[in-house]
Amino acid sequence: MKVNVEIDCTPAEARAFLGLPDVAPLNDHMVAEMKRRMDENMAAMQPDELMKTWTSFGMQAQDQFRKLMEAAVKP
């Protein structure tokens, strides 16, 4: 015996029917908080600050790689 049941409803109607909570207000709050944090962090993303961070890391990595290669070549 095979029974097929089709239910035509929106996701909100399905959540209400199954007794699940409406998380739309929580989602709206989370999105607003993420936007606020992104806006605050935009100040830290200034090009000159990024270049300073990237070049200092890059120079350290180059020095470490050079030292590693020198150590590998030494008998």
N, C-alpha and C. Protein backbone atom coordinates (compact mmCIF):
# COMPACT_ATOMS: atom_id res chain seq x y z
N MET A 1 0.84 -1.16 0.00
CA MET A 1 0.00 0.00 0.00
C MET A 1 0.89 1.23 0.00
N LYS A 2 0.60 2.17 -0.86
CA LYS A 2 1.40 3.37 -0.99
C LYS A 2 0.47 4.58 -0.92
N VAL A 3 0.85 5.53 -0.06
CA VAL A 3 0.04 6.73 0.12
C VAL A 3 0.92 7.94 -0.11
N ASN A 4 0.51 8.83 -0.97
CA ASN A 4 1.23 10.08 -1.21
C ASN A 4 0.39 11.23 -0.68
N VAL A 5 1.03 12.09 0.08
CA VAL A 5 0.35 13.26 0.63
C VAL A 5 1.14 14.49 0.19
N GLU A 6 0.48 15.41 -0.46
CA GLU A 6 1.12 16.66 -0.86
C GLU A 6 0.53 17.80 -0.05
N ILE A 7 1.41 18.61 0.52
CA ILE A 7 0.98 19.75 1.31
C ILE A 7 1.55 21.00 0.66
N ASP A 8 0.68 21.92 0.34
CA ASP A 8 1.10 23.17 -0.27
C ASP A 8 1.01 24.27 0.77
N CYS A 9 2.18 24.69 1.29
CA CYS A 9 2.20 25.75 2.29
C CYS A 9 3.54 26.47 2.23
N THR A 10 3.59 27.61 2.84
CA THR A 10 4.83 28.39 2.90
C THR A 10 5.70 27.84 4.03
N PRO A 11 6.98 28.17 4.02
CA PRO A 11 7.83 27.74 5.13
C PRO A 11 7.34 28.23 6.49
N ALA A 12 6.82 29.46 6.53
CA ALA A 12 6.30 29.99 7.80
C ALA A 12 5.09 29.18 8.27
N GLU A 13 4.23 28.81 7.35
CA GLU A 13 3.06 28.00 7.71
C GLU A 13 3.50 26.61 8.18
N ALA A 14 4.50 26.04 7.55
CA ALA A 14 4.99 24.72 7.96
C ALA A 14 5.59 24.78 9.36
N ARG A 15 6.37 25.85 9.65
CA ARG A 15 6.94 25.99 11.00
C ARG A 15 5.85 26.13 12.04
N ALA A 16 4.84 26.92 11.74
CA ALA A 16 3.74 27.11 12.69
C ALA A 16 2.98 25.80 12.90
N PHE A 17 2.75 25.05 11.84
CA PHE A 17 2.03 23.78 11.94
C PHE A 17 2.81 22.77 12.77
N LEU A 18 4.14 22.76 12.61
CA LEU A 18 4.98 21.81 13.36
C LEU A 18 5.32 22.31 14.76
N GLY A 19 4.92 23.54 15.08
CA GLY A 19 5.18 24.07 16.42
C GLY A 19 6.59 24.60 16.59
N LEU A 20 7.28 24.87 15.50
CA LEU A 20 8.63 25.41 15.59
C LEU A 20 8.56 26.92 15.81
N PRO A 21 9.57 27.47 16.49
CA PRO A 21 9.53 28.91 16.78
C PRO A 21 9.81 29.75 15.53
N ASP A 22 9.31 30.97 15.56
CA ASP A 22 9.58 31.92 14.48
C ASP A 22 10.91 32.58 14.80
N VAL A 23 11.92 32.31 14.00
CA VAL A 23 13.26 32.83 14.26
C VAL A 23 13.57 34.09 13.44
N ALA A 24 12.60 34.64 12.75
CA ALA A 24 12.83 35.84 11.93
C ALA A 24 13.36 37.01 12.77
N PRO A 25 12.79 37.32 13.95
CA PRO A 25 13.34 38.44 14.74
C PRO A 25 14.78 38.18 15.18
N LEU A 26 15.08 36.95 15.54
CA LEU A 26 16.45 36.61 15.94
C LEU A 26 17.39 36.76 14.74
N ASN A 27 16.96 36.30 13.59
CA ASN A 27 17.78 36.42 12.39
C ASN A 27 18.01 37.89 12.05
N ASP A 28 16.98 38.72 12.14
CA ASP A 28 17.13 40.14 11.87
C ASP A 28 18.12 40.79 12.82
N HIS A 29 18.06 40.40 14.09
CA HIS A 29 18.99 40.93 15.10
C HIS A 29 20.42 40.50 14.79
N MET A 30 20.62 39.24 14.42
CA MET A 30 21.95 38.73 14.11
C MET A 30 22.53 39.45 12.89
N VAL A 31 21.73 39.65 11.87
CA VAL A 31 22.20 40.34 10.66
C VAL A 31 22.57 41.79 10.99
N ALA A 32 21.77 42.46 11.79
CA ALA A 32 22.06 43.84 12.19
C ALA A 32 23.35 43.91 12.99
N GLU A 33 23.56 42.95 13.89
CA GLU A 33 24.79 42.92 14.69
C GLU A 33 26.01 42.66 13.82
N MET A 34 25.89 41.77 12.86
CA MET A 34 27.00 41.50 11.95
C MET A 34 27.34 42.74 11.12
N LYS A 35 26.31 43.45 10.66
CA LYS A 35 26.55 44.68 9.91
C LYS A 35 27.25 45.72 10.77
N ARG A 36 26.81 45.84 12.02
CA ARG A 36 27.43 46.81 12.93
C ARG A 36 28.90 46.49 13.15
N ARG A 37 29.20 45.22 13.38
CA ARG A 37 30.60 44.83 13.60
C ARG A 37 31.45 45.03 12.35
N MET A 38 30.88 44.76 11.20
CA MET A 38 31.62 44.97 9.95
C MET A 38 31.92 46.46 9.77
N ASP A 39 30.94 47.30 10.07
CA ASP A 39 31.15 48.75 9.95
C ASP A 39 32.25 49.22 10.90
N GLU A 40 32.27 48.69 12.13
CA GLU A 40 33.30 49.06 13.10
C GLU A 40 34.68 48.62 12.62
N ASN A 41 34.76 47.45 12.00
CA ASN A 41 36.05 46.92 11.58
C ASN A 41 36.55 47.53 10.27
N MET A 42 35.70 48.27 9.58
CA MET A 42 36.14 48.89 8.33
C MET A 42 37.26 49.90 8.58
N ALA A 43 37.25 50.52 9.75
CA ALA A 43 38.31 51.48 10.07
C ALA A 43 39.67 50.79 10.15
N ALA A 44 39.68 49.54 10.58
CA ALA A 44 40.93 48.79 10.68
C ALA A 44 41.40 48.30 9.32
N MET A 45 40.57 48.44 8.30
CA MET A 45 40.91 47.95 6.98
C MET A 45 41.49 49.05 6.09
N GLN A 46 42.09 50.05 6.68
CA GLN A 46 42.70 51.13 5.91
C GLN A 46 43.86 50.57 5.09
N PRO A 47 44.01 50.99 3.85
CA PRO A 47 45.06 50.43 2.98
C PRO A 47 46.46 50.52 3.56
N ASP A 48 46.81 51.65 4.19
CA ASP A 48 48.16 51.77 4.72
C ASP A 48 48.40 50.80 5.88
N GLU A 49 47.38 50.59 6.72
CA GLU A 49 47.52 49.63 7.82
C GLU A 49 47.63 48.20 7.30
N LEU A 50 46.83 47.88 6.28
CA LEU A 50 46.91 46.55 5.70
C LEU A 50 48.28 46.29 5.10
N MET A 51 48.83 47.27 4.40
CA MET A 51 50.15 47.09 3.77
C MET A 51 51.22 46.89 4.83
N LYS A 52 51.13 47.65 5.93
CA LYS A 52 52.11 47.48 7.00
C LYS A 52 52.04 46.06 7.57
N THR A 53 50.84 45.57 7.78
CA THR A 53 50.66 44.23 8.33
C THR A 53 51.16 43.18 7.35
N TRP A 54 50.77 43.31 6.10
CA TRP A 54 51.15 42.31 5.10
C TRP A 54 52.64 42.30 4.85
N THR A 55 53.27 43.48 4.74
CA THR A 55 54.70 43.50 4.44
C THR A 55 55.52 43.02 5.62
N SER A 56 55.12 43.34 6.84
CA SER A 56 55.88 42.84 7.99
C SER A 56 55.80 41.33 8.06
N PHE A 57 54.63 40.79 7.80
CA PHE A 57 54.49 39.32 7.79
C PHE A 57 55.29 38.72 6.64
N GLY A 58 55.23 39.37 5.48
CA GLY A 58 55.94 38.87 4.31
C GLY A 58 57.44 38.85 4.51
N MET A 59 57.99 39.87 5.14
CA MET A 59 59.43 39.93 5.38
C MET A 59 59.84 38.85 6.38
N GLN A 60 59.05 38.64 7.40
CA GLN A 60 59.36 37.59 8.36
C GLN A 60 59.35 36.22 7.69
N ALA A 61 58.37 36.00 6.85
CA ALA A 61 58.28 34.71 6.16
C ALA A 61 59.46 34.52 5.22
N GLN A 62 59.87 35.59 4.52
CA GLN A 62 61.03 35.49 3.64
C GLN A 62 62.29 35.19 4.42
N ASP A 63 62.48 35.86 5.55
CA ASP A 63 63.66 35.61 6.38
C ASP A 63 63.68 34.19 6.90
N GLN A 64 62.54 33.71 7.36
CA GLN A 64 62.48 32.33 7.86
C GLN A 64 62.76 31.33 6.75
N PHE A 65 62.24 31.56 5.56
CA PHE A 65 62.49 30.67 4.44
C PHE A 65 63.97 30.67 4.06
N ARG A 66 64.57 31.87 4.03
CA ARG A 66 66.00 31.97 3.71
C ARG A 66 66.83 31.22 4.74
N LYS A 67 66.53 31.38 6.04
CA LYS A 67 67.26 30.68 7.09
C LYS A 67 67.10 29.17 6.95
N LEU A 68 65.90 28.74 6.61
CA LEU A 68 65.65 27.32 6.42
C LEU A 68 66.49 26.76 5.27
N MET A 69 66.56 27.50 4.18
CA MET A 69 67.35 27.05 3.02
C MET A 69 68.84 27.06 3.35
N GLU A 70 69.31 28.07 4.10
CA GLU A 70 70.72 28.12 4.49
C GLU A 70 71.06 26.94 5.39
N ALA A 71 70.18 26.61 6.30
CA ALA A 71 70.42 25.48 7.19
C ALA A 71 70.42 24.16 6.41
N ALA A 72 69.62 24.06 5.38
CA ALA A 72 69.56 22.83 4.59
C ALA A 72 70.81 22.65 3.73
N VAL A 73 71.43 23.75 3.33
CA VAL A 73 72.60 23.69 2.47
C VAL A 73 73.87 23.41 3.26
N LYS A 74 73.93 23.85 4.50
CA LYS A 74 75.13 23.67 5.32
C LYS A 74 75.39 22.18 5.57
N PRO A 75 76.66 21.77 5.50
CA PRO A 75 76.99 20.35 5.73
C PRO A 75 76.87 19.92 7.17
